[in-house]
Amino acid sequence: MTRVEFYVLSTSNTADRQRAACQLALKAWRAGMQVFLRGADSAQCETLDDLLWTFKGDAFVPHDLHASDPLAPVVIGLDEQPEADNGLLINLHPALSPHLGKFTRIIEIVNQEPELLALCRENFRLYRQKGYDPKRVEL
C-alpha cells in the first residue's frame, strides 16, 4: 500500500515549502528512489527547476522537467504520467495527482497559509476516502 504523509511546516512562506521539497527530493534520490516533483503550475515547475540547482551549494540533484527528460532521476511536472513506477511523489499541487497508483510513497508539503491548510485538509480526507492511511509529520 502506498504510504502517504503530510509534512507540516511551521511557517507560511512559500519559499520554505519549495526548499523543503528540494531537500526531500535530494534525500530520496540519494536513497535510490525515483522522484516526481509535482508543481502547482508551470511557473512553479520552472522555479523548482532553478531551485534544485542552487538550494544547496554542495549538492547536485540530477533533475529535469518532464517535457525535457521524463526519465530523469528527479522529474518536475504537473499532471503528466510518471515514466517510473514505485517512486516518490512530492506534491505541491493543490489537488491529488491523477496517478496515485504509480507511487509507493507520497509526500504533501503543508505550510500555515490558511488557503493551503484548507486544501490540504480536504486532500487528507480524500486520501482516506480512497483507502489510504495518511499520516501527519511535523517539520
Protein backbone atom coordinates (compact mmCIF):
# COMPACT_ATOMS: atom_id res chain seq x y z
CA MET A 1 0.00 0.00 0.00
CA THR A 2 1.23 3.48 -0.83
CA ARG A 3 2.49 5.46 2.14
CA VAL A 4 1.02 8.99 2.33
CA GLU A 5 2.48 11.65 4.59
CA PHE A 6 1.65 15.31 5.14
CA TYR A 7 4.81 17.18 6.13
CA VAL A 8 3.71 20.27 8.06
CA LEU A 9 5.91 23.36 8.16
CA SER A 10 5.57 25.95 10.92
CA THR A 11 5.81 28.92 8.53
CA SER A 12 3.51 30.31 5.85
CA ASN A 13 6.36 31.17 3.49
CA THR A 14 6.02 29.64 0.01
CA ALA A 15 9.80 29.64 -0.44
CA ASP A 16 10.20 27.43 2.66
CA ARG A 17 7.74 24.96 1.16
CA GLN A 18 9.68 24.81 -2.11
CA ARG A 19 13.01 24.48 -0.29
CA ALA A 20 11.60 21.60 1.76
CA ALA A 21 10.51 19.90 -1.47
CA CYS A 22 14.04 20.21 -2.85
CA GLN A 23 15.58 18.82 0.34
CA LEU A 24 13.20 15.86 0.29
CA ALA A 25 13.94 15.24 -3.39
CA LEU A 26 17.68 15.22 -2.65
CA LYS A 27 17.25 12.83 0.27
CA ALA A 28 15.03 10.45 -1.73
CA TRP A 29 17.33 10.49 -4.77
CA ARG A 30 20.33 9.72 -2.56
CA ALA A 31 18.33 6.78 -1.14
CA GLY A 32 17.87 5.45 -4.68
CA MET A 33 14.26 6.47 -5.27
CA GLN A 34 12.79 7.89 -8.44
CA VAL A 35 11.18 11.24 -7.60
CA PHE A 36 8.32 13.08 -9.28
CA LEU A 37 8.16 16.65 -8.00
CA ARG A 38 4.70 17.96 -8.89
CA GLY A 39 4.27 21.71 -9.04
CA ALA A 40 1.07 23.73 -8.85
CA ASP A 41 1.62 25.30 -12.28
CA SER A 42 4.28 25.69 -14.95
CA ALA A 43 5.76 28.79 -13.28
CA GLN A 44 6.32 26.87 -10.05
CA CYS A 45 7.86 24.00 -12.02
CA GLU A 46 10.37 26.44 -13.53
CA THR A 47 11.11 27.85 -10.07
CA LEU A 48 11.71 24.34 -8.70
CA ASP A 49 13.97 23.57 -11.67
CA ASP A 50 16.08 26.64 -10.84
CA LEU A 51 15.99 26.00 -7.10
CA LEU A 52 17.26 22.42 -7.46
CA TRP A 53 20.46 23.89 -8.94
CA THR A 54 21.01 26.38 -6.12
CA PHE A 55 19.24 25.41 -2.87
CA LYS A 56 22.25 23.53 -1.51
CA GLY A 57 25.61 24.66 -2.79
CA ASP A 58 27.45 21.40 -2.11
CA ALA A 59 24.85 19.05 -3.62
CA PHE A 60 23.89 18.10 -7.13
CA VAL A 61 20.39 16.78 -7.78
CA PRO A 62 20.03 15.26 -11.26
CA HIS A 63 16.69 16.59 -12.45
CA ASP A 64 14.75 17.86 -15.43
CA LEU A 65 11.32 18.98 -16.46
CA HIS A 66 9.07 16.15 -17.64
CA ALA A 67 8.87 17.64 -21.14
CA SER A 68 12.67 17.57 -21.47
CA ASP A 69 13.51 14.25 -19.81
CA PRO A 70 10.71 12.14 -18.29
CA LEU A 71 13.30 9.55 -17.20
CA ALA A 72 15.49 11.90 -15.11
CA PRO A 73 16.11 10.71 -11.53
CA VAL A 74 14.08 13.71 -10.30
CA VAL A 75 11.33 14.75 -12.68
CA ILE A 76 9.47 18.04 -12.30
CA GLY A 77 5.99 18.16 -13.77
CA LEU A 78 2.29 18.76 -13.39
CA ASP A 79 -0.20 16.07 -14.36
CA GLU A 80 1.98 14.04 -16.71
CA GLN A 81 2.09 10.32 -16.08
CA PRO A 82 5.42 9.36 -14.50
CA GLU A 83 7.55 7.01 -16.57
CA ALA A 84 8.90 5.20 -13.50
CA ASP A 85 6.76 3.07 -11.18
CA ASN A 86 7.13 2.76 -7.41
CA GLY A 87 8.77 6.11 -6.84
CA LEU A 88 8.12 9.08 -4.60
CA LEU A 89 5.64 11.84 -5.40
CA ILE A 90 6.33 15.18 -3.73
CA ASN A 91 3.10 17.06 -4.31
CA LEU A 92 2.99 20.85 -4.21
CA HIS A 93 -0.14 20.93 -6.36
CA PRO A 94 -3.37 21.80 -4.51
CA ALA A 95 -5.15 18.67 -5.83
CA LEU A 96 -4.40 14.97 -5.68
CA SER A 97 -2.35 13.53 -8.52
CA PRO A 98 -4.31 11.60 -11.15
CA HIS A 99 -1.55 8.95 -10.96
CA LEU A 100 -1.54 7.95 -7.28
CA GLY A 101 -1.17 4.26 -8.11
CA LYS A 102 2.23 4.85 -9.74
CA PHE A 103 3.89 5.74 -6.43
CA THR A 104 4.90 3.77 -3.35
CA ARG A 105 5.21 6.96 -1.32
CA ILE A 106 3.50 10.35 -1.47
CA ILE A 107 4.51 13.46 0.45
CA GLU A 108 2.28 16.51 0.61
CA ILE A 109 4.03 19.61 1.96
CA VAL A 110 1.80 21.87 4.02
CA ASN A 111 2.56 25.31 5.40
CA GLN A 112 0.49 27.62 7.58
CA GLU A 113 -1.08 29.64 4.77
CA PRO A 114 -4.84 29.47 5.56
CA GLU A 115 -5.99 28.67 2.00
CA LEU A 116 -3.39 25.93 1.60
CA LEU A 117 -4.26 24.47 5.01
CA ALA A 118 -7.89 24.17 3.93
CA LEU A 119 -6.93 22.49 0.64
CA CYS A 120 -4.59 20.07 2.39
CA ARG A 121 -7.23 19.14 4.96
CA GLU A 122 -9.55 18.30 2.09
CA ASN A 123 -6.79 16.24 0.42
CA PHE A 124 -6.20 14.39 3.69
CA ARG A 125 -9.90 13.49 3.74
CA LEU A 126 -9.82 12.45 0.06
CA TYR A 127 -6.86 10.14 0.63
CA ARG A 128 -8.80 8.44 3.42
CA GLN A 129 -11.84 8.07 1.16
CA LYS A 130 -9.61 6.37 -1.40
CA GLY A 131 -8.43 3.84 1.20
CA TYR A 132 -5.05 5.37 2.10
CA ASP A 133 -3.95 5.97 5.69
CA PRO A 134 -2.31 9.42 5.60
CA LYS A 135 -0.01 10.45 8.43
CA ARG A 136 0.96 13.88 9.70
CA VAL A 137 4.66 14.71 10.18
CA GLU A 138 5.71 17.95 11.89
CA LEU A 139 8.85 19.56 10.46
